[in-house]
Amino acid sequence: MNLKYFILFGFFAFSCSLFSQNERVENLPTFDKKKIHFGFYLGLNQNDFKLNIKKNTFDVAPGNILVEPTTGFNVGMIVDLRLHKNLNLRFEPGLISNTKKIIFHYLDEPKDSIRDASSTFLHLPLVFKMSTDKYRNIRPYLLAGVSYDLNLSSNERNQDDNFAGEFRMKTHNFMYELGIGIDIYLHYFKFSPSIRGVFAINNELKYDNVANGASQWTDPINFLGTRGLFLNFAFE
């Protein structure tokens, strides 16, 4: 089963089971009154690229460039600032690791038609968390925000390009994020599974050197940006 569908199914099945609980003892009754609290998260991600193809000398059709995503991992910390009883501002710095394979189907040679785009990001999101009132030790919420991603494995400054087998990505990138989750108040801590989509704002592609002539890899691409699904498990 595709990971993104597995994540969605598992998350909603888990959430539905919580709503059916008859727990009457209120856990952590004063937790949400703290002005600032901290935590950490672990998770999985599946990232691919959004691709826009432009008219070019190679006459490449949109389906001729495909991206094969793989499953990566997320890890980070949480700083939560209470703005209102139903609104929090969260800073969630972390590391994201993922590898994507880009296949150029219109190129015949394997050494030309496949490129690996490996990324390890320092992920710095600033997110608003909008929560319902607490009910039976659970509290659903929505997430919305923006993030800055520093691609630690970027080869943007590498002078070699696709003519030398190097597919280059930009170092500095910006994203917006949307998600849903649920707080589960346990006896000693709060556990919060969430799903969020992460979408690139800027073009992450570093185009091949003009001095090498027209590029059959990067010239057909008008926009290439991360499009990912994240499953995070937060402990606060």
C-alpha atoms as a PDB file:
ATOM      1  CA  MET A   1       0.000   0.000   0.000  1.00  0.00           C
ATOM      2  CA  ASN A   2       1.256   3.500  -0.788  1.00  0.00           C
ATOM      3  CA  LEU A   3       2.685   5.060   2.367  1.00  0.00           C
ATOM      4  CA  LYS A   4       0.542   8.199   2.181  1.00  0.00           C
ATOM      5  CA  TYR A   5      -2.679   6.152   2.128  1.00  0.00           C
ATOM      6  CA  PHE A   6      -1.411   3.948   4.942  1.00  0.00           C
ATOM      7  CA  ILE A   7      -0.637   7.051   7.011  1.00  0.00           C
ATOM      8  CA  LEU A   8      -4.076   8.548   6.407  1.00  0.00           C
ATOM      9  CA  PHE A   9      -5.915   5.293   7.142  1.00  0.00           C
ATOM     10  CA  GLY A  10      -3.941   4.572  10.281  1.00  0.00           C
ATOM     11  CA  PHE A  11      -4.302   8.092  11.625  1.00  0.00           C
ATOM     12  CA  PHE A  12      -8.065   8.270  11.195  1.00  0.00           C
ATOM     13  CA  ALA A  13      -8.609   4.732  12.505  1.00  0.00           C
ATOM     14  CA  PHE A  14      -6.594   5.613  15.582  1.00  0.00           C
ATOM     15  CA  SER A  15      -8.492   8.880  16.082  1.00  0.00           C
ATOM     16  CA  CYS A  16     -11.879   7.164  15.767  1.00  0.00           C
ATOM     17  CA  SER A  17     -10.917   4.629  18.401  1.00  0.00           C
ATOM     18  CA  LEU A  18     -10.101   7.446  20.790  1.00  0.00           C
ATOM     19  CA  PHE A  19     -13.475   9.113  20.345  1.00  0.00           C
ATOM     20  CA  SER A  20     -15.155   5.849  21.366  1.00  0.00           C
ATOM     21  CA  GLN A  21     -13.369   5.745  24.710  1.00  0.00           C
ATOM     22  CA  ASN A  22     -15.344   6.307  27.903  1.00  0.00           C
ATOM     23  CA  GLU A  23     -12.448   7.686  29.972  1.00  0.00           C
ATOM     24  CA  ARG A  24     -13.849   9.905  32.738  1.00  0.00           C
ATOM     25  CA  VAL A  25     -10.671  10.833  34.685  1.00  0.00           C
ATOM     26  CA  GLU A  26      -9.181  14.088  33.415  1.00  0.00           C
ATOM     27  CA  ASN A  27      -5.437  13.857  32.836  1.00  0.00           C
ATOM     28  CA  LEU A  28      -3.080  16.869  32.983  1.00  0.00           C
ATOM     29  CA  PRO A  29      -5.834  19.372  33.907  1.00  0.00           C
ATOM     30  CA  THR A  30      -3.459  22.391  34.062  1.00  0.00           C
ATOM     31  CA  PHE A  31      -1.165  21.488  31.168  1.00  0.00           C
ATOM     32  CA  ASP A  32      -2.704  23.904  28.654  1.00  0.00           C
ATOM     33  CA  LYS A  33      -2.476  26.858  31.048  1.00  0.00           C
ATOM     34  CA  LYS A  34       1.329  26.994  30.706  1.00  0.00           C
ATOM     35  CA  LYS A  35       2.561  30.019  28.777  1.00  0.00           C
ATOM     36  CA  ILE A  36       5.468  28.076  27.264  1.00  0.00           C
ATOM     37  CA  HIS A  37       6.160  24.361  27.151  1.00  0.00           C
ATOM     38  CA  PHE A  38       8.569  22.082  25.296  1.00  0.00           C
ATOM     39  CA  GLY A  39       8.570  18.698  23.630  1.00  0.00           C
ATOM     40  CA  PHE A  40       9.994  16.611  20.824  1.00  0.00           C
ATOM     41  CA  TYR A  41       8.713  14.696  17.818  1.00  0.00           C
ATOM     42  CA  LEU A  42       9.588  11.682  15.684  1.00  0.00           C
ATOM     43  CA  GLY A  43       8.031  10.779  12.374  1.00  0.00           C
ATOM     44  CA  LEU A  44       8.015   9.562   8.797  1.00  0.00           C
ATOM     45  CA  ASN A  45       7.698  11.413   5.537  1.00  0.00           C
ATOM     46  CA  GLN A  46       7.098  10.703   1.887  1.00  0.00           C
ATOM     47  CA  ASN A  47       8.272  13.513  -0.373  1.00  0.00           C
ATOM     48  CA  ASP A  48       8.116  13.916  -4.100  1.00  0.00           C
ATOM     49  CA  PHE A  49       8.376  16.921  -6.412  1.00  0.00           C
ATOM     50  CA  LYS A  50       5.762  19.074  -8.039  1.00  0.00           C
ATOM     51  CA  LEU A  51       6.902  19.502 -11.645  1.00  0.00           C
ATOM     52  CA  ASN A  52       5.849  22.119 -14.168  1.00  0.00           C
ATOM     53  CA  ILE A  53       7.136  21.618 -17.697  1.00  0.00           C
ATOM     54  CA  LYS A  54       7.707  24.530 -20.081  1.00  0.00           C
ATOM     55  CA  LYS A  55       7.869  24.657 -23.843  1.00  0.00           C
ATOM     56  CA  ASN A  56      11.462  24.139 -24.914  1.00  0.00           C
ATOM     57  CA  THR A  57      13.715  22.973 -27.688  1.00  0.00           C
ATOM     58  CA  PHE A  58      13.424  19.347 -26.509  1.00  0.00           C
ATOM     59  CA  ASP A  59       9.597  19.295 -26.712  1.00  0.00           C
ATOM     60  CA  VAL A  60       9.234  17.307 -23.473  1.00  0.00           C
ATOM     61  CA  ALA A  61       5.720  16.240 -22.410  1.00  0.00           C
ATOM     62  CA  PRO A  62       4.794  16.475 -18.684  1.00  0.00           C
ATOM     63  CA  GLY A  63       4.621  12.684 -18.244  1.00  0.00           C
ATOM     64  CA  ASN A  64       8.127  12.188 -19.601  1.00  0.00           C
ATOM     65  CA  ILE A  65       9.734  13.287 -16.325  1.00  0.00           C
ATOM     66  CA  LEU A  66       8.680  11.222 -13.303  1.00  0.00           C
ATOM     67  CA  VAL A  67       9.658  11.257  -9.639  1.00  0.00           C
ATOM     68  CA  GLU A  68       9.939   8.110  -7.512  1.00  0.00           C
ATOM     69  CA  PRO A  69       9.668   9.063  -3.817  1.00  0.00           C
ATOM     70  CA  THR A  70      10.957   7.006  -0.911  1.00  0.00           C
ATOM     71  CA  THR A  71      10.120   7.011   2.796  1.00  0.00           C
ATOM     72  CA  GLY A  72      12.262   9.228   5.015  1.00  0.00           C
ATOM     73  CA  PHE A  73      12.292  10.217   8.673  1.00  0.00           C
ATOM     74  CA  ASN A  74      11.768  13.368  10.753  1.00  0.00           C
ATOM     75  CA  VAL A  75      13.086  14.250  14.201  1.00  0.00           C
ATOM     76  CA  GLY A  76      13.012  17.523  16.100  1.00  0.00           C
ATOM     77  CA  MET A  77      12.032  19.556  19.129  1.00  0.00           C
ATOM     78  CA  ILE A  78       8.996  21.700  19.970  1.00  0.00           C
ATOM     79  CA  VAL A  79       8.722  25.124  21.575  1.00  0.00           C
ATOM     80  CA  ASP A  80       5.047  25.994  22.161  1.00  0.00           C
ATOM     81  CA  LEU A  81       3.812  29.498  23.064  1.00  0.00           C
ATOM     82  CA  ARG A  82       0.218  29.856  24.319  1.00  0.00           C
ATOM     83  CA  LEU A  83      -1.475  32.857  22.690  1.00  0.00           C
ATOM     84  CA  HIS A  84      -5.061  31.997  23.618  1.00  0.00           C
ATOM     85  CA  LYS A  85      -6.848  29.018  25.135  1.00  0.00           C
ATOM     86  CA  ASN A  86      -7.469  27.716  21.590  1.00  0.00           C
ATOM     87  CA  LEU A  87      -4.449  29.155  19.745  1.00  0.00           C
ATOM     88  CA  ASN A  88      -0.734  28.375  20.079  1.00  0.00           C
ATOM     89  CA  LEU A  89       2.338  29.417  18.132  1.00  0.00           C
ATOM     90  CA  ARG A  90       4.874  26.628  17.699  1.00  0.00           C
ATOM     91  CA  PHE A  91       8.513  26.577  16.604  1.00  0.00           C
ATOM     92  CA  GLU A  92       9.503  23.044  15.596  1.00  0.00           C
ATOM     93  CA  PRO A  93      13.158  22.892  14.440  1.00  0.00           C
ATOM     94  CA  GLY A  94      14.240  19.485  13.208  1.00  0.00           C
ATOM     95  CA  LEU A  95      15.990  17.332  10.642  1.00  0.00           C
ATOM     96  CA  ILE A  96      14.282  15.745   7.631  1.00  0.00           C
ATOM     97  CA  SER A  97      15.946  13.097   5.492  1.00  0.00           C
ATOM     98  CA  ASN A  98      14.622  11.840   2.171  1.00  0.00           C
ATOM     99  CA  THR A  99      15.783  10.566  -1.224  1.00  0.00           C
ATOM    100  CA  LYS A 100      13.987  10.953  -4.531  1.00  0.00           C
ATOM    101  CA  LYS A 101      14.782   9.429  -7.920  1.00  0.00           C
ATOM    102  CA  ILE A 102      14.047  11.529 -11.023  1.00  0.00           C
ATOM    103  CA  ILE A 103      13.559   9.617 -14.255  1.00  0.00           C
ATOM    104  CA  PHE A 104      13.853  11.324 -17.634  1.00  0.00           C
ATOM    105  CA  HIS A 105      12.001   8.866 -19.875  1.00  0.00           C
ATOM    106  CA  TYR A 106      12.898  10.653 -23.098  1.00  0.00           C
ATOM    107  CA  LEU A 107      16.627   9.904 -22.584  1.00  0.00           C
ATOM    108  CA  ASP A 108      17.775   6.457 -23.663  1.00  0.00           C
ATOM    109  CA  GLU A 109      21.038   6.008 -21.777  1.00  0.00           C
ATOM    110  CA  PRO A 110      20.618   4.880 -18.123  1.00  0.00           C
ATOM    111  CA  LYS A 111      23.500   7.126 -17.053  1.00  0.00           C
ATOM    112  CA  ASP A 112      21.588  10.105 -18.474  1.00  0.00           C
ATOM    113  CA  SER A 113      17.983   9.150 -17.717  1.00  0.00           C
ATOM    114  CA  ILE A 114      18.180   8.642 -13.913  1.00  0.00           C
ATOM    115  CA  ARG A 115      19.207  11.198 -11.306  1.00  0.00           C
ATOM    116  CA  ASP A 116      19.122  10.856  -7.504  1.00  0.00           C
ATOM    117  CA  ALA A 117      18.073  13.865  -5.436  1.00  0.00           C
ATOM    118  CA  SER A 118      19.115  13.132  -1.846  1.00  0.00           C
ATOM    119  CA  SER A 119      18.145  15.727   0.727  1.00  0.00           C
ATOM    120  CA  THR A 120      18.805  16.290   4.394  1.00  0.00           C
ATOM    121  CA  PHE A 121      17.012  19.430   5.521  1.00  0.00           C
ATOM    122  CA  LEU A 122      17.363  21.569   8.604  1.00  0.00           C
ATOM    123  CA  HIS A 123      13.626  22.222   8.859  1.00  0.00           C
ATOM    124  CA  LEU A 124      12.583  25.414  10.694  1.00  0.00           C
ATOM    125  CA  PRO A 125       8.772  25.745  10.744  1.00  0.00           C
ATOM    126  CA  LEU A 126       6.730  28.406  12.520  1.00  0.00           C
ATOM    127  CA  VAL A 127       3.214  27.037  12.851  1.00  0.00           C
ATOM    128  CA  PHE A 128      -0.102  28.180  14.303  1.00  0.00           C
ATOM    129  CA  LYS A 129      -1.985  25.442  16.160  1.00  0.00           C
ATOM    130  CA  MET A 130      -5.763  26.012  16.395  1.00  0.00           C
ATOM    131  CA  SER A 131      -7.389  23.625  18.887  1.00  0.00           C
ATOM    132  CA  THR A 132     -10.893  22.748  19.998  1.00  0.00           C
ATOM    133  CA  ASP A 133     -11.782  22.597  23.666  1.00  0.00           C
ATOM    134  CA  LYS A 134     -10.567  19.524  25.537  1.00  0.00           C
ATOM    135  CA  TYR A 135     -13.020  16.610  25.650  1.00  0.00           C
ATOM    136  CA  ARG A 136     -12.422  13.279  27.412  1.00  0.00           C
ATOM    137  CA  ASN A 137      -8.637  13.724  27.392  1.00  0.00           C
ATOM    138  CA  ILE A 138      -8.500  14.419  23.662  1.00  0.00           C
ATOM    139  CA  ARG A 139      -8.284  17.659  21.728  1.00  0.00           C
ATOM    140  CA  PRO A 140      -8.331  17.830  17.894  1.00  0.00           C
ATOM    141  CA  TYR A 141      -6.478  20.673  16.189  1.00  0.00           C
ATOM    142  CA  LEU A 142      -5.511  22.242  12.863  1.00  0.00           C
ATOM    143  CA  LEU A 143      -2.039  23.396  11.829  1.00  0.00           C
ATOM    144  CA  ALA A 144      -1.015  26.147   9.408  1.00  0.00           C
ATOM    145  CA  GLY A 145       2.309  27.888   8.936  1.00  0.00           C
ATOM    146  CA  VAL A 146       5.478  28.458   6.958  1.00  0.00           C
ATOM    147  CA  SER A 147       8.985  27.049   7.162  1.00  0.00           C
ATOM    148  CA  TYR A 148      12.535  27.704   6.048  1.00  0.00           C
ATOM    149  CA  ASP A 149      14.472  24.641   4.896  1.00  0.00           C
ATOM    150  CA  LEU A 150      18.261  24.601   4.699  1.00  0.00           C
ATOM    151  CA  ASN A 151      19.295  21.760   2.393  1.00  0.00           C
ATOM    152  CA  LEU A 152      22.409  20.433   4.136  1.00  0.00           C
ATOM    153  CA  SER A 153      23.151  18.062   1.251  1.00  0.00           C
ATOM    154  CA  SER A 154      22.734  20.742  -1.414  1.00  0.00           C
ATOM    155  CA  ASN A 155      25.248  20.778  -4.250  1.00  0.00           C
ATOM    156  CA  GLU A 156      24.192  24.199  -5.540  1.00  0.00           C
ATOM    157  CA  ARG A 157      27.762  25.529  -5.537  1.00  0.00           C
ATOM    158  CA  ASN A 158      29.141  22.497  -7.342  1.00  0.00           C
ATOM    159  CA  GLN A 159      30.530  23.593 -10.712  1.00  0.00           C
ATOM    160  CA  ASP A 160      29.680  20.194 -12.198  1.00  0.00           C
ATOM    161  CA  ASP A 161      26.127  19.889 -13.517  1.00  0.00           C
ATOM    162  CA  ASN A 162      24.060  17.214 -15.287  1.00  0.00           C
ATOM    163  CA  PHE A 163      26.551  17.081 -18.130  1.00  0.00           C
ATOM    164  CA  ALA A 164      28.908  15.621 -15.505  1.00  0.00           C
ATOM    165  CA  GLY A 165      26.165  13.550 -13.816  1.00  0.00           C
ATOM    166  CA  GLU A 166      25.278  16.050 -11.038  1.00  0.00           C
ATOM    167  CA  PHE A 167      21.624  17.019 -10.497  1.00  0.00           C
ATOM    168  CA  ARG A 168      21.793  20.198  -8.419  1.00  0.00           C
ATOM    169  CA  MET A 169      19.314  21.587  -5.894  1.00  0.00           C
ATOM    170  CA  LYS A 170      19.180  24.966  -4.157  1.00  0.00           C
ATOM    171  CA  THR A 171      20.369  25.365  -0.572  1.00  0.00           C
ATOM    172  CA  HIS A 172      17.751  27.821   0.722  1.00  0.00           C
ATOM    173  CA  ASN A 173      14.056  26.967   0.367  1.00  0.00           C
ATOM    174  CA  PHE A 174      10.698  28.090   1.754  1.00  0.00           C
ATOM    175  CA  MET A 175       7.574  26.006   2.353  1.00  0.00           C
ATOM    176  CA  TYR A 176       4.033  26.351   3.613  1.00  0.00           C
ATOM    177  CA  GLU A 177       2.417  23.690   5.788  1.00  0.00           C
ATOM    178  CA  LEU A 178      -1.147  22.556   6.520  1.00  0.00           C
ATOM    179  CA  GLY A 179      -2.172  19.739   8.822  1.00  0.00           C
ATOM    180  CA  ILE A 180      -4.502  18.110  11.327  1.00  0.00           C
ATOM    181  CA  GLY A 181      -3.836  16.289  14.556  1.00  0.00           C
ATOM    182  CA  ILE A 182      -5.153  15.270  17.934  1.00  0.00           C
ATOM    183  CA  ASP A 183      -3.783  15.812  21.447  1.00  0.00           C
ATOM    184  CA  ILE A 184      -4.108  12.775  23.718  1.00  0.00           C
ATOM    185  CA  TYR A 185      -3.694  13.602  27.405  1.00  0.00           C
ATOM    186  CA  LEU A 186      -2.044  10.692  29.197  1.00  0.00           C
ATOM    187  CA  HIS A 187      -1.203  10.426  32.871  1.00  0.00           C
ATOM    188  CA  TYR A 188       2.314  11.918  32.670  1.00  0.00           C
ATOM    189  CA  PHE A 189       2.563  13.581  29.240  1.00  0.00           C
ATOM    190  CA  LYS A 190       0.648  14.625  26.145  1.00  0.00           C
ATOM    191  CA  PHE A 191       0.936  12.492  23.006  1.00  0.00           C
ATOM    192  CA  SER A 192       0.033  14.157  19.699  1.00  0.00           C
ATOM    193  CA  PRO A 193      -0.045  12.340  16.352  1.00  0.00           C
ATOM    194  CA  SER A 194      -0.493  14.640  13.360  1.00  0.00           C
ATOM    195  CA  ILE A 195      -0.505  14.597   9.575  1.00  0.00           C
ATOM    196  CA  ARG A 196       0.639  17.581   7.574  1.00  0.00           C
ATOM    197  CA  GLY A 197       1.296  18.473   3.988  1.00  0.00           C
ATOM    198  CA  VAL A 198       4.428  20.467   3.149  1.00  0.00           C
ATOM    199  CA  PHE A 199       4.600  22.402  -0.128  1.00  0.00           C
ATOM    200  CA  ALA A 200       7.489  24.354  -1.676  1.00  0.00           C
ATOM    201  CA  ILE A 201       7.014  28.051  -2.406  1.00  0.00           C
ATOM    202  CA  ASN A 202      10.187  28.609  -4.442  1.00  0.00           C
ATOM    203  CA  ASN A 203      11.723  26.675  -7.321  1.00  0.00           C
ATOM    204  CA  GLU A 204      14.328  24.323  -5.792  1.00  0.00           C
ATOM    205  CA  LEU A 205      16.036  23.461  -9.082  1.00  0.00           C
ATOM    206  CA  LYS A 206      19.541  24.715  -9.839  1.00  0.00           C
ATOM    207  CA  TYR A 207      19.717  24.981 -13.620  1.00  0.00           C
ATOM    208  CA  ASP A 208      22.642  23.592 -15.593  1.00  0.00           C
ATOM    209  CA  ASN A 209      25.454  25.876 -16.673  1.00  0.00           C
ATOM    210  CA  VAL A 210      24.641  27.994 -19.730  1.00  0.00           C
ATOM    211  CA  ALA A 211      28.209  27.549 -20.934  1.00  0.00           C
ATOM    212  CA  ASN A 212      27.520  23.854 -21.545  1.00  0.00           C
ATOM    213  CA  GLY A 213      24.702  24.658 -23.993  1.00  0.00           C
ATOM    214  CA  ALA A 214      21.027  23.708 -23.880  1.00  0.00           C
ATOM    215  CA  SER A 215      20.340  21.188 -21.099  1.00  0.00           C
ATOM    216  CA  GLN A 216      18.021  18.237 -21.788  1.00  0.00           C
ATOM    217  CA  TRP A 217      17.643  17.775 -18.004  1.00  0.00           C
ATOM    218  CA  THR A 218      16.872  21.210 -16.557  1.00  0.00           C
ATOM    219  CA  ASP A 219      15.782  23.371 -19.517  1.00  0.00           C
ATOM    220  CA  PRO A 220      12.408  21.570 -19.853  1.00  0.00           C
ATOM    221  CA  ILE A 221      11.548  22.269 -16.178  1.00  0.00           C
ATOM    222  CA  ASN A 222       9.805  25.511 -15.271  1.00  0.00           C
ATOM    223  CA  PHE A 223       9.286  24.659 -11.577  1.00  0.00           C
ATOM    224  CA  LEU A 224      10.451  21.875  -9.307  1.00  0.00           C
ATOM    225  CA  GLY A 225       9.408  21.987  -5.664  1.00  0.00           C
ATOM    226  CA  THR A 226       8.981  19.632  -2.722  1.00  0.00           C
ATOM    227  CA  ARG A 227       5.521  18.225  -2.088  1.00  0.00           C
ATOM    228  CA  GLY A 228       5.423  15.998   0.963  1.00  0.00           C
ATOM    229  CA  LEU A 229       3.244  14.190   3.482  1.00  0.00           C
ATOM    230  CA  PHE A 230       4.485  14.039   7.077  1.00  0.00           C
ATOM    231  CA  LEU A 231       3.349  11.799   9.921  1.00  0.00           C
ATOM    232  CA  ASN A 232       4.658  13.131  13.243  1.00  0.00           C
ATOM    233  CA  PHE A 233       4.359  11.764  16.772  1.00  0.00           C
ATOM    234  CA  ALA A 234       4.880  14.521  19.340  1.00  0.00           C
ATOM    235  CA  PHE A 235       5.596  14.062  23.039  1.00  0.00           C
ATOM    236  CA  GLU A 236       5.061  17.101  25.267  1.00  0.00           C
END
